Amino acid sequence: MTIPTLISEYQNKVTVTKLKKMYSTLTNAYSLYLVDNNSTGRLERTEADAVKAFEVFKPYLKLSRDCGTDTGESCGIY
């Protein structure tokens, strides 16, 4: 194996690990929401509903920053 191949495989593993962590965090937040609201819950799939869903999940997430709908430099994301 070459160094670029090893680096690529490592980067893929890091990405998969991060995605699994995010999935776990969101699943946990959703479960806590359902318990707190005695709900079986069903979230819609429109942009407005995505914003509402974020507001619902926000108390269950440990956020370092909430940029709302801002992206890019205005939120410090490059």
N, C-alpha and C. Protein backbone atom coordinates (compact mmCIF):
# COMPACT_ATOMS: atom_id res chain seq x y z
N MET A 1 0.84 -1.18 0.00
CA MET A 1 0.00 0.00 0.00
C MET A 1 0.88 1.24 0.00
N THR A 2 0.35 2.27 -0.64
CA THR A 2 1.09 3.52 -0.69
C THR A 2 0.56 4.48 0.37
N ILE A 3 1.33 5.49 0.66
CA ILE A 3 0.95 6.49 1.66
C ILE A 3 -0.37 7.18 1.27
N PRO A 4 -0.57 7.62 0.03
CA PRO A 4 -1.85 8.25 -0.31
C PRO A 4 -3.05 7.32 -0.09
N THR A 5 -2.88 6.04 -0.35
CA THR A 5 -3.96 5.07 -0.13
C THR A 5 -4.27 4.97 1.36
N LEU A 6 -3.23 4.89 2.18
CA LEU A 6 -3.42 4.80 3.63
C LEU A 6 -4.09 6.06 4.17
N ILE A 7 -3.68 7.21 3.69
CA ILE A 7 -4.28 8.47 4.13
C ILE A 7 -5.75 8.52 3.74
N SER A 8 -6.05 8.11 2.52
CA SER A 8 -7.44 8.11 2.04
C SER A 8 -8.31 7.18 2.87
N GLU A 9 -7.81 6.00 3.17
CA GLU A 9 -8.56 5.04 3.99
C GLU A 9 -8.78 5.59 5.39
N TYR A 10 -7.76 6.24 5.94
CA TYR A 10 -7.88 6.83 7.27
C TYR A 10 -8.94 7.93 7.26
N GLN A 11 -8.91 8.80 6.25
CA GLN A 11 -9.88 9.89 6.16
C GLN A 11 -11.30 9.34 6.02
N ASN A 12 -11.46 8.26 5.27
CA ASN A 12 -12.78 7.64 5.14
C ASN A 12 -13.27 7.12 6.48
N LYS A 13 -12.38 6.48 7.24
CA LYS A 13 -12.76 5.96 8.56
C LYS A 13 -13.14 7.10 9.51
N VAL A 14 -12.41 8.20 9.46
CA VAL A 14 -12.72 9.36 10.29
C VAL A 14 -14.09 9.91 9.94
N THR A 15 -14.38 10.02 8.65
CA THR A 15 -15.67 10.54 8.21
C THR A 15 -16.81 9.62 8.65
N VAL A 16 -16.64 8.34 8.50
CA VAL A 16 -17.67 7.38 8.92
C VAL A 16 -17.90 7.48 10.43
N THR A 17 -16.83 7.60 11.19
CA THR A 17 -16.95 7.72 12.64
C THR A 17 -17.72 8.98 13.02
N LYS A 18 -17.43 10.09 12.36
CA LYS A 18 -18.14 11.35 12.63
C LYS A 18 -19.62 11.25 12.27
N LEU A 19 -19.91 10.60 11.16
CA LEU A 19 -21.31 10.44 10.76
C LEU A 19 -22.07 9.55 11.75
N LYS A 20 -21.44 8.49 12.22
CA LYS A 20 -22.07 7.62 13.21
C LYS A 20 -22.34 8.39 14.49
N LYS A 21 -21.41 9.23 14.91
CA LYS A 21 -21.58 10.04 16.12
C LYS A 21 -22.75 11.00 15.95
N MET A 22 -22.84 11.67 14.80
CA MET A 22 -23.93 12.61 14.56
C MET A 22 -25.27 11.89 14.52
N TYR A 23 -25.31 10.75 13.88
CA TYR A 23 -26.54 9.96 13.83
C TYR A 23 -26.98 9.56 15.24
N SER A 24 -26.03 9.13 16.04
CA SER A 24 -26.32 8.74 17.41
C SER A 24 -26.84 9.93 18.22
N THR A 25 -26.22 11.09 18.06
CA THR A 25 -26.63 12.29 18.77
C THR A 25 -28.04 12.70 18.39
N LEU A 26 -28.36 12.70 17.10
CA LEU A 26 -29.70 13.08 16.64
C LEU A 26 -30.75 12.05 17.06
N THR A 27 -30.40 10.78 17.01
CA THR A 27 -31.33 9.74 17.43
C THR A 27 -31.64 9.88 18.92
N ASN A 28 -30.61 10.17 19.71
CA ASN A 28 -30.80 10.36 21.13
C ASN A 28 -31.68 11.59 21.40
N ALA A 29 -31.43 12.69 20.71
CA ALA A 29 -32.23 13.90 20.88
C ALA A 29 -33.69 13.63 20.53
N TYR A 30 -33.93 12.91 19.46
CA TYR A 30 -35.29 12.58 19.03
C TYR A 30 -35.98 11.69 20.07
N SER A 31 -35.26 10.73 20.59
CA SER A 31 -35.82 9.84 21.62
C SER A 31 -36.18 10.63 22.87
N LEU A 32 -35.32 11.54 23.29
CA LEU A 32 -35.61 12.37 24.47
C LEU A 32 -36.83 13.26 24.22
N TYR A 33 -36.93 13.81 23.01
CA TYR A 33 -38.09 14.61 22.66
C TYR A 33 -39.37 13.79 22.76
N LEU A 34 -39.36 12.58 22.22
CA LEU A 34 -40.55 11.73 22.27
C LEU A 34 -40.96 11.42 23.70
N VAL A 35 -39.98 11.13 24.55
CA VAL A 35 -40.28 10.82 25.95
C VAL A 35 -40.86 12.05 26.65
N ASP A 36 -40.23 13.20 26.46
CA ASP A 36 -40.69 14.42 27.13
C ASP A 36 -42.08 14.86 26.67
N ASN A 37 -42.45 14.50 25.46
CA ASN A 37 -43.73 14.96 24.90
C ASN A 37 -44.75 13.84 24.77
N ASN A 38 -44.49 12.69 25.38
CA ASN A 38 -45.41 11.55 25.29
C ASN A 38 -45.93 11.37 23.87
N SER A 39 -45.03 11.27 22.95
CA SER A 39 -45.39 11.26 21.54
C SER A 39 -44.74 10.09 20.82
N THR A 40 -45.40 9.65 19.77
CA THR A 40 -44.76 8.71 18.86
C THR A 40 -44.11 9.49 17.74
N GLY A 41 -44.50 10.75 17.60
CA GLY A 41 -43.86 11.73 16.73
C GLY A 41 -43.71 11.36 15.27
N ARG A 42 -43.93 12.34 14.45
CA ARG A 42 -43.67 12.22 13.02
C ARG A 42 -43.27 13.61 12.55
N LEU A 43 -42.06 13.75 12.04
CA LEU A 43 -41.60 15.04 11.56
C LEU A 43 -41.78 15.13 10.05
N GLU A 44 -42.25 16.28 9.61
CA GLU A 44 -42.46 16.49 8.17
C GLU A 44 -41.13 16.76 7.49
N ARG A 45 -41.16 16.92 6.18
CA ARG A 45 -39.90 17.04 5.43
C ARG A 45 -39.81 18.32 4.61
N THR A 46 -40.46 19.38 5.03
CA THR A 46 -40.31 20.66 4.34
C THR A 46 -39.23 21.47 5.04
N GLU A 47 -38.78 22.53 4.39
CA GLU A 47 -37.73 23.36 5.00
C GLU A 47 -38.23 24.00 6.30
N ALA A 48 -39.47 24.50 6.28
CA ALA A 48 -40.03 25.11 7.49
C ALA A 48 -40.11 24.09 8.62
N ASP A 49 -40.48 22.86 8.29
CA ASP A 49 -40.56 21.82 9.31
C ASP A 49 -39.17 21.43 9.80
N ALA A 50 -38.17 21.52 8.94
CA ALA A 50 -36.80 21.22 9.37
C ALA A 50 -36.34 22.25 10.39
N VAL A 51 -36.71 23.52 10.17
CA VAL A 51 -36.37 24.57 11.13
C VAL A 51 -37.09 24.31 12.45
N LYS A 52 -38.38 23.93 12.38
CA LYS A 52 -39.13 23.61 13.59
C LYS A 52 -38.51 22.42 14.31
N ALA A 53 -38.10 21.41 13.55
CA ALA A 53 -37.49 20.23 14.15
C ALA A 53 -36.21 20.61 14.88
N PHE A 54 -35.42 21.50 14.29
CA PHE A 54 -34.19 21.93 14.96
C PHE A 54 -34.52 22.61 16.27
N GLU A 55 -35.55 23.46 16.27
CA GLU A 55 -35.95 24.14 17.50
C GLU A 55 -36.40 23.12 18.55
N VAL A 56 -37.05 22.05 18.11
CA VAL A 56 -37.49 21.00 19.03
C VAL A 56 -36.27 20.26 19.61
N PHE A 57 -35.29 19.97 18.76
CA PHE A 57 -34.12 19.20 19.20
C PHE A 57 -33.11 20.04 19.99
N LYS A 58 -33.10 21.35 19.76
CA LYS A 58 -32.07 22.21 20.33
C LYS A 58 -31.85 22.00 21.84
N PRO A 59 -32.91 21.87 22.65
CA PRO A 59 -32.67 21.66 24.08
C PRO A 59 -31.95 20.35 24.41
N TYR A 60 -31.97 19.41 23.49
CA TYR A 60 -31.38 18.10 23.73
C TYR A 60 -29.97 17.96 23.15
N LEU A 61 -29.49 19.01 22.49
CA LEU A 61 -28.18 18.99 21.86
C LEU A 61 -27.21 19.90 22.60
N LYS A 62 -25.95 19.54 22.61
CA LYS A 62 -24.92 20.38 23.20
C LYS A 62 -24.29 21.18 22.06
N LEU A 63 -24.78 22.38 21.85
CA LEU A 63 -24.33 23.20 20.73
C LEU A 63 -23.25 24.17 21.18
N SER A 64 -22.20 24.28 20.39
CA SER A 64 -21.18 25.28 20.67
C SER A 64 -21.57 26.60 20.02
N ARG A 65 -22.40 26.54 18.96
CA ARG A 65 -22.82 27.75 18.27
C ARG A 65 -24.10 27.44 17.50
N ASP A 66 -25.04 28.37 17.52
CA ASP A 66 -26.28 28.25 16.75
C ASP A 66 -26.32 29.41 15.78
N CYS A 67 -26.11 29.11 14.52
CA CYS A 67 -26.08 30.15 13.49
C CYS A 67 -27.45 30.35 12.85
N GLY A 68 -28.43 29.61 13.30
CA GLY A 68 -29.74 29.72 12.67
C GLY A 68 -29.64 29.26 11.23
N THR A 69 -30.12 30.08 10.33
CA THR A 69 -30.04 29.74 8.91
C THR A 69 -28.85 30.39 8.22
N ASP A 70 -28.02 31.13 8.99
CA ASP A 70 -26.83 31.76 8.42
C ASP A 70 -25.77 30.70 8.12
N THR A 71 -25.07 30.90 7.04
CA THR A 71 -23.96 30.01 6.69
C THR A 71 -22.78 30.85 6.24
N GLY A 72 -21.69 30.21 6.06
CA GLY A 72 -20.52 30.89 5.54
C GLY A 72 -19.82 31.75 6.57
N GLU A 73 -19.18 32.82 6.13
CA GLU A 73 -18.36 33.64 6.99
C GLU A 73 -19.15 34.33 8.09
N SER A 74 -20.42 34.64 7.85
CA SER A 74 -21.22 35.34 8.86
C SER A 74 -21.37 34.50 10.13
N CYS A 75 -21.18 33.21 10.00
CA CYS A 75 -21.29 32.32 11.15
C CYS A 75 -19.93 31.74 11.55
N GLY A 76 -18.91 32.13 10.86
CA GLY A 76 -17.58 31.62 11.19
C GLY A 76 -17.30 30.27 10.54
N ILE A 77 -18.12 29.88 9.56
CA ILE A 77 -17.92 28.62 8.85
C ILE A 77 -17.35 28.96 7.48
N TYR A 78 -16.24 28.36 7.15
CA TYR A 78 -15.59 28.68 5.87
C TYR A 78 -15.64 27.51 4.93
